[in-house]
Amino acid sequence: MDSDWRPERTASCPYCGEPFLLVVDTDGAEADYVEDCPVCCAPIEVAVRWPLGADEPELTLRRGDD
């Protein structure tokens, strides 16, 4: 895997529901970070997990108040 790999994904904000382009920030590793929604500015908790043998990560977006 290329260490510069940063896939762009279309995601929906768990607060306002609007779609936006998310650049997955992992460098090939699992990660948890906060990304502000570009539409409503709410803080979205992003969890990135790499299933065994997968070419792409699984993303989970959550509200901070869930």
PDB file of N, CA and C in Angstrom:
ATOM      1  N   MET A   1       0.840  -1.180   0.000  1.00  0.00           N
ATOM      2  CA  MET A   1       0.000   0.000   0.000  1.00  0.00           C
ATOM      3  C   MET A   1       0.883   1.241   0.000  1.00  0.00           C
ATOM      4  N   ASP A   2       0.503   2.224  -0.778  1.00  0.00           N
ATOM      5  CA  ASP A   2       1.227   3.489  -0.873  1.00  0.00           C
ATOM      6  C   ASP A   2       0.943   4.320   0.372  1.00  0.00           C
ATOM      7  N   SER A   3       1.987   4.799   1.053  1.00  0.00           N
ATOM      8  CA  SER A   3       1.792   5.549   2.291  1.00  0.00           C
ATOM      9  C   SER A   3       1.151   6.915   2.051  1.00  0.00           C
ATOM     10  N   ASP A   4       1.088   7.375   0.803  1.00  0.00           N
ATOM     11  CA  ASP A   4       0.442   8.642   0.494  1.00  0.00           C
ATOM     12  C   ASP A   4      -1.021   8.464   0.094  1.00  0.00           C
ATOM     13  N   TRP A   5      -1.540   7.259   0.188  1.00  0.00           N
ATOM     14  CA  TRP A   5      -2.906   6.964  -0.224  1.00  0.00           C
ATOM     15  C   TRP A   5      -3.891   7.666   0.693  1.00  0.00           C
ATOM     16  N   ARG A   6      -4.686   8.572   0.142  1.00  0.00           N
ATOM     17  CA  ARG A   6      -5.709   9.284   0.916  1.00  0.00           C
ATOM     18  C   ARG A   6      -6.981   9.323   0.074  1.00  0.00           C
ATOM     19  N   PRO A   7      -7.787   8.295   0.210  1.00  0.00           N
ATOM     20  CA  PRO A   7      -8.988   8.251  -0.628  1.00  0.00           C
ATOM     21  C   PRO A   7      -9.996   9.315  -0.238  1.00  0.00           C
ATOM     22  N   GLU A   8     -10.647   9.821  -1.230  1.00  0.00           N
ATOM     23  CA  GLU A   8     -11.748  10.756  -0.995  1.00  0.00           C
ATOM     24  C   GLU A   8     -13.044   9.962  -1.050  1.00  0.00           C
ATOM     25  N   ARG A   9     -13.920  10.225  -0.106  1.00  0.00           N
ATOM     26  CA  ARG A   9     -15.208   9.537  -0.035  1.00  0.00           C
ATOM     27  C   ARG A   9     -16.320  10.559   0.130  1.00  0.00           C
ATOM     28  N   THR A  10     -17.446  10.283  -0.453  1.00  0.00           N
ATOM     29  CA  THR A  10     -18.625  11.091  -0.185  1.00  0.00           C
ATOM     30  C   THR A  10     -19.265  10.532   1.076  1.00  0.00           C
ATOM     31  N   ALA A  11     -19.508  11.400   2.041  1.00  0.00           N
ATOM     32  CA  ALA A  11     -20.099  11.009   3.316  1.00  0.00           C
ATOM     33  C   ALA A  11     -21.253  11.955   3.621  1.00  0.00           C
ATOM     34  N   SER A  12     -22.110  11.547   4.543  1.00  0.00           N
ATOM     35  CA  SER A  12     -23.211  12.403   4.984  1.00  0.00           C
ATOM     36  C   SER A  12     -22.999  12.785   6.431  1.00  0.00           C
ATOM     37  N   CYS A  13     -23.192  14.051   6.734  1.00  0.00           N
ATOM     38  CA  CYS A  13     -23.030  14.538   8.093  1.00  0.00           C
ATOM     39  C   CYS A  13     -24.085  13.914   9.001  1.00  0.00           C
ATOM     40  N   PRO A  14     -23.685  13.347  10.152  1.00  0.00           N
ATOM     41  CA  PRO A  14     -24.661  12.768  11.073  1.00  0.00           C
ATOM     42  C   PRO A  14     -25.495  13.826  11.806  1.00  0.00           C
ATOM     43  N   TYR A  15     -25.139  15.092  11.670  1.00  0.00           N
ATOM     44  CA  TYR A  15     -25.918  16.172  12.285  1.00  0.00           C
ATOM     45  C   TYR A  15     -26.939  16.737  11.302  1.00  0.00           C
ATOM     46  N   CYS A  16     -26.457  17.268  10.175  1.00  0.00           N
ATOM     47  CA  CYS A  16     -27.355  17.961   9.239  1.00  0.00           C
ATOM     48  C   CYS A  16     -27.801  17.088   8.069  1.00  0.00           C
ATOM     49  N   GLY A  17     -27.114  15.949   7.852  1.00  0.00           N
ATOM     50  CA  GLY A  17     -27.496  15.034   6.784  1.00  0.00           C
ATOM     51  C   GLY A  17     -26.980  15.407   5.405  1.00  0.00           C
ATOM     52  N   GLU A  18     -26.294  16.526   5.295  1.00  0.00           N
ATOM     53  CA  GLU A  18     -25.797  16.967   3.990  1.00  0.00           C
ATOM     54  C   GLU A  18     -24.581  16.141   3.564  1.00  0.00           C
ATOM     55  N   PRO A  19     -24.512  15.795   2.275  1.00  0.00           N
ATOM     56  CA  PRO A  19     -23.331  15.083   1.791  1.00  0.00           C
ATOM     57  C   PRO A  19     -22.146  16.032   1.649  1.00  0.00           C
ATOM     58  N   PHE A  20     -20.943  15.503   1.833  1.00  0.00           N
ATOM     59  CA  PHE A  20     -19.720  16.282   1.655  1.00  0.00           C
ATOM     60  C   PHE A  20     -18.591  15.336   1.290  1.00  0.00           C
ATOM     61  N   LEU A  21     -17.509  15.884   0.774  1.00  0.00           N
ATOM     62  CA  LEU A  21     -16.347  15.089   0.400  1.00  0.00           C
ATOM     63  C   LEU A  21     -15.413  14.976   1.596  1.00  0.00           C
ATOM     64  N   LEU A  22     -15.126  13.751   2.015  1.00  0.00           N
ATOM     65  CA  LEU A  22     -14.266  13.481   3.153  1.00  0.00           C
ATOM     66  C   LEU A  22     -12.972  12.863   2.649  1.00  0.00           C
ATOM     67  N   VAL A  23     -11.847  13.433   3.025  1.00  0.00           N
ATOM     68  CA  VAL A  23     -10.548  12.848   2.723  1.00  0.00           C
ATOM     69  C   VAL A  23     -10.167  12.003   3.928  1.00  0.00           C
ATOM     70  N   VAL A  24     -10.068  10.688   3.716  1.00  0.00           N
ATOM     71  CA  VAL A  24      -9.787   9.765   4.811  1.00  0.00           C
ATOM     72  C   VAL A  24      -8.337   9.929   5.246  1.00  0.00           C
ATOM     73  N   ASP A  25      -8.138  10.284   6.496  1.00  0.00           N
ATOM     74  CA  ASP A  25      -6.822  10.606   7.043  1.00  0.00           C
ATOM     75  C   ASP A  25      -6.294   9.424   7.850  1.00  0.00           C
ATOM     76  N   THR A  26      -5.585   8.486   7.179  1.00  0.00           N
ATOM     77  CA  THR A  26      -5.117   7.299   7.894  1.00  0.00           C
ATOM     78  C   THR A  26      -3.678   6.923   7.633  1.00  0.00           C
ATOM     79  N   ASP A  27      -3.146   7.220   6.472  1.00  0.00           N
ATOM     80  CA  ASP A  27      -1.831   6.731   6.049  1.00  0.00           C
ATOM     81  C   ASP A  27      -1.763   5.208   6.155  1.00  0.00           C
ATOM     82  N   GLY A  28      -2.890   4.554   5.904  1.00  0.00           N
ATOM     83  CA  GLY A  28      -2.914   3.095   5.897  1.00  0.00           C
ATOM     84  C   GLY A  28      -3.096   2.446   7.244  1.00  0.00           C
ATOM     85  N   ALA A  29      -3.325   3.218   8.281  1.00  0.00           N
ATOM     86  CA  ALA A  29      -3.507   2.661   9.620  1.00  0.00           C
ATOM     87  C   ALA A  29      -4.920   2.967  10.119  1.00  0.00           C
ATOM     88  N   GLU A  30      -5.331   2.256  11.158  1.00  0.00           N
ATOM     89  CA  GLU A  30      -6.612   2.568  11.780  1.00  0.00           C
ATOM     90  C   GLU A  30      -6.481   3.889  12.518  1.00  0.00           C
ATOM     91  N   ALA A  31      -7.584   4.642  12.557  1.00  0.00           N
ATOM     92  CA  ALA A  31      -7.507   5.969  13.173  1.00  0.00           C
ATOM     93  C   ALA A  31      -8.864   6.394  13.701  1.00  0.00           C
ATOM     94  N   ASP A  32      -8.832   7.267  14.688  1.00  0.00           N
ATOM     95  CA  ASP A  32     -10.011   7.959  15.218  1.00  0.00           C
ATOM     96  C   ASP A  32      -9.651   9.427  15.255  1.00  0.00           C
ATOM     97  N   TYR A  33     -10.486  10.264  14.662  1.00  0.00           N
ATOM     98  CA  TYR A  33     -10.223  11.700  14.664  1.00  0.00           C
ATOM     99  C   TYR A  33     -11.525  12.461  14.502  1.00  0.00           C
ATOM    100  N   VAL A  34     -11.470  13.773  14.674  1.00  0.00           N
ATOM    101  CA  VAL A  34     -12.646  14.636  14.553  1.00  0.00           C
ATOM    102  C   VAL A  34     -12.467  15.514  13.322  1.00  0.00           C
ATOM    103  N   GLU A  35     -13.513  15.553  12.516  1.00  0.00           N
ATOM    104  CA  GLU A  35     -13.542  16.363  11.293  1.00  0.00           C
ATOM    105  C   GLU A  35     -14.780  17.251  11.377  1.00  0.00           C
ATOM    106  N   ASP A  36     -14.637  18.539  11.175  1.00  0.00           N
ATOM    107  CA  ASP A  36     -15.793  19.435  11.196  1.00  0.00           C
ATOM    108  C   ASP A  36     -16.557  19.335   9.888  1.00  0.00           C
ATOM    109  N   CYS A  37     -17.883  19.293   9.983  1.00  0.00           N
ATOM    110  CA  CYS A  37     -18.730  19.270   8.789  1.00  0.00           C
ATOM    111  C   CYS A  37     -18.528  20.582   8.029  1.00  0.00           C
ATOM    112  N   PRO A  38     -18.251  20.520   6.727  1.00  0.00           N
ATOM    113  CA  PRO A  38     -18.052  21.742   5.954  1.00  0.00           C
ATOM    114  C   PRO A  38     -19.351  22.508   5.707  1.00  0.00           C
ATOM    115  N   VAL A  39     -20.496  21.893   6.014  1.00  0.00           N
ATOM    116  CA  VAL A  39     -21.791  22.540   5.806  1.00  0.00           C
ATOM    117  C   VAL A  39     -22.282  23.212   7.083  1.00  0.00           C
ATOM    118  N   CYS A  40     -22.364  22.438   8.202  1.00  0.00           N
ATOM    119  CA  CYS A  40     -22.927  22.981   9.447  1.00  0.00           C
ATOM    120  C   CYS A  40     -21.875  23.220  10.535  1.00  0.00           C
ATOM    121  N   CYS A  41     -20.633  22.854  10.268  1.00  0.00           N
ATOM    122  CA  CYS A  41     -19.490  23.054  11.176  1.00  0.00           C
ATOM    123  C   CYS A  41     -19.534  22.195  12.450  1.00  0.00           C
ATOM    124  N   ALA A  42     -20.427  21.225  12.533  1.00  0.00           N
ATOM    125  CA  ALA A  42     -20.499  20.355  13.706  1.00  0.00           C
ATOM    126  C   ALA A  42     -19.315  19.390  13.713  1.00  0.00           C
ATOM    127  N   PRO A  43     -18.812  19.004  14.895  1.00  0.00           N
ATOM    128  CA  PRO A  43     -17.683  18.081  14.979  1.00  0.00           C
ATOM    129  C   PRO A  43     -18.130  16.631  14.784  1.00  0.00           C
ATOM    130  N   ILE A  44     -17.618  15.997  13.749  1.00  0.00           N
ATOM    131  CA  ILE A  44     -17.969  14.608  13.424  1.00  0.00           C
ATOM    132  C   ILE A  44     -16.838  13.704  13.880  1.00  0.00           C
ATOM    133  N   GLU A  45     -17.167  12.666  14.650  1.00  0.00           N
ATOM    134  CA  GLU A  45     -16.182  11.677  15.058  1.00  0.00           C
ATOM    135  C   GLU A  45     -16.045  10.658  13.931  1.00  0.00           C
ATOM    136  N   VAL A  46     -14.843  10.537  13.395  1.00  0.00           N
ATOM    137  CA  VAL A  46     -14.565   9.622  12.284  1.00  0.00           C
ATOM    138  C   VAL A  46     -13.733   8.463  12.817  1.00  0.00           C
ATOM    139  N   ALA A  47     -14.189   7.242  12.558  1.00  0.00           N
ATOM    140  CA  ALA A  47     -13.437   6.040  12.915  1.00  0.00           C
ATOM    141  C   ALA A  47     -13.107   5.307  11.620  1.00  0.00           C
ATOM    142  N   VAL A  48     -11.830   4.995  11.426  1.00  0.00           N
ATOM    143  CA  VAL A  48     -11.360   4.304  10.231  1.00  0.00           C
ATOM    144  C   VAL A  48     -10.794   2.959  10.664  1.00  0.00           C
ATOM    145  N   ARG A  49     -11.319   1.884  10.087  1.00  0.00           N
ATOM    146  CA  ARG A  49     -10.863   0.531  10.410  1.00  0.00           C
ATOM    147  C   ARG A  49     -10.565  -0.208   9.116  1.00  0.00           C
ATOM    148  N   TRP A  50      -9.472  -0.963   9.125  1.00  0.00           N
ATOM    149  CA  TRP A  50      -9.070  -1.755   7.965  1.00  0.00           C
ATOM    150  C   TRP A  50      -9.377  -3.216   8.249  1.00  0.00           C
ATOM    151  N   PRO A  51     -10.433  -3.785   7.626  1.00  0.00           N
ATOM    152  CA  PRO A  51     -10.696  -5.209   7.785  1.00  0.00           C
ATOM    153  C   PRO A  51      -9.544  -6.033   7.197  1.00  0.00           C
ATOM    154  N   LEU A  52      -9.301  -7.177   7.745  1.00  0.00           N
ATOM    155  CA  LEU A  52      -8.227  -8.054   7.302  1.00  0.00           C
ATOM    156  C   LEU A  52      -8.368  -8.342   5.809  1.00  0.00           C
ATOM    157  N   GLY A  53      -7.338  -8.064   5.050  1.00  0.00           N
ATOM    158  CA  GLY A  53      -7.325  -8.338   3.621  1.00  0.00           C
ATOM    159  C   GLY A  53      -8.061  -7.330   2.760  1.00  0.00           C
ATOM    160  N   ALA A  54      -8.598  -6.279   3.346  1.00  0.00           N
ATOM    161  CA  ALA A  54      -9.371  -5.292   2.586  1.00  0.00           C
ATOM    162  C   ALA A  54      -8.445  -4.312   1.876  1.00  0.00           C
ATOM    163  N   ASP A  55      -8.880  -3.856   0.705  1.00  0.00           N
ATOM    164  CA  ASP A  55      -8.137  -2.843  -0.044  1.00  0.00           C
ATOM    165  C   ASP A  55      -8.516  -1.430   0.375  1.00  0.00           C
ATOM    166  N   GLU A  56      -9.682  -1.304   0.995  1.00  0.00           N
ATOM    167  CA  GLU A  56     -10.166   0.010   1.419  1.00  0.00           C
ATOM    168  C   GLU A  56     -10.676  -0.074   2.853  1.00  0.00           C
ATOM    169  N   PRO A  57     -10.630   1.041   3.567  1.00  0.00           N
ATOM    170  CA  PRO A  57     -11.069   1.028   4.963  1.00  0.00           C
ATOM    171  C   PRO A  57     -12.589   1.109   5.091  1.00  0.00           C
ATOM    172  N   GLU A  58     -13.065   0.705   6.269  1.00  0.00           N
ATOM    173  CA  GLU A  58     -14.459   0.935   6.648  1.00  0.00           C
ATOM    174  C   GLU A  58     -14.501   2.225   7.446  1.00  0.00           C
ATOM    175  N   LEU A  59     -15.456   3.073   7.149  1.00  0.00           N
ATOM    176  CA  LEU A  59     -15.590   4.352   7.844  1.00  0.00           C
ATOM    177  C   LEU A  59     -16.858   4.366   8.670  1.00  0.00           C
ATOM    178  N   THR A  60     -16.758   4.923   9.864  1.00  0.00           N
ATOM    179  CA  THR A  60     -17.922   5.148  10.710  1.00  0.00           C
ATOM    180  C   THR A  60     -17.899   6.611  11.119  1.00  0.00           C
ATOM    181  N   LEU A  61     -18.999   7.314  10.843  1.00  0.00           N
ATOM    182  CA  LEU A  61     -19.123   8.717  11.241  1.00  0.00           C
ATOM    183  C   LEU A  61     -20.189   8.808  12.315  1.00  0.00           C
ATOM    184  N   ARG A  62     -19.851   9.473  13.426  1.00  0.00           N
ATOM    185  CA  ARG A  62     -20.791   9.585  14.559  1.00  0.00           C
ATOM    186  C   ARG A  62     -20.864  11.028  15.045  1.00  0.00           C
ATOM    187  N   ARG A  63     -21.987  11.297  15.655  1.00  0.00           N
ATOM    188  CA  ARG A  63     -22.146  12.563  16.381  1.00  0.00           C
ATOM    189  C   ARG A  63     -21.396  12.436  17.699  1.00  0.00           C
ATOM    190  N   GLY A  64     -20.858  13.516  18.169  1.00  0.00           N
ATOM    191  CA  GLY A  64     -20.164  13.512  19.443  1.00  0.00           C
ATOM    192  C   GLY A  64     -21.089  13.323  20.627  1.00  0.00           C
ATOM    193  N   ASP A  65     -22.386  13.576  20.430  1.00  0.00           N
ATOM    194  CA  ASP A  65     -23.338  13.463  21.535  1.00  0.00           C
ATOM    195  C   ASP A  65     -24.115  12.155  21.521  1.00  0.00           C
ATOM    196  N   ASP A  66     -23.699  11.177  20.694  1.00  0.00           N
ATOM    197  CA  ASP A  66     -24.370   9.859  20.657  1.00  0.00           C
ATOM    198  C   ASP A  66     -23.919   9.000  21.801  1.00  0.00           C
TER     199      ASP A  66
END
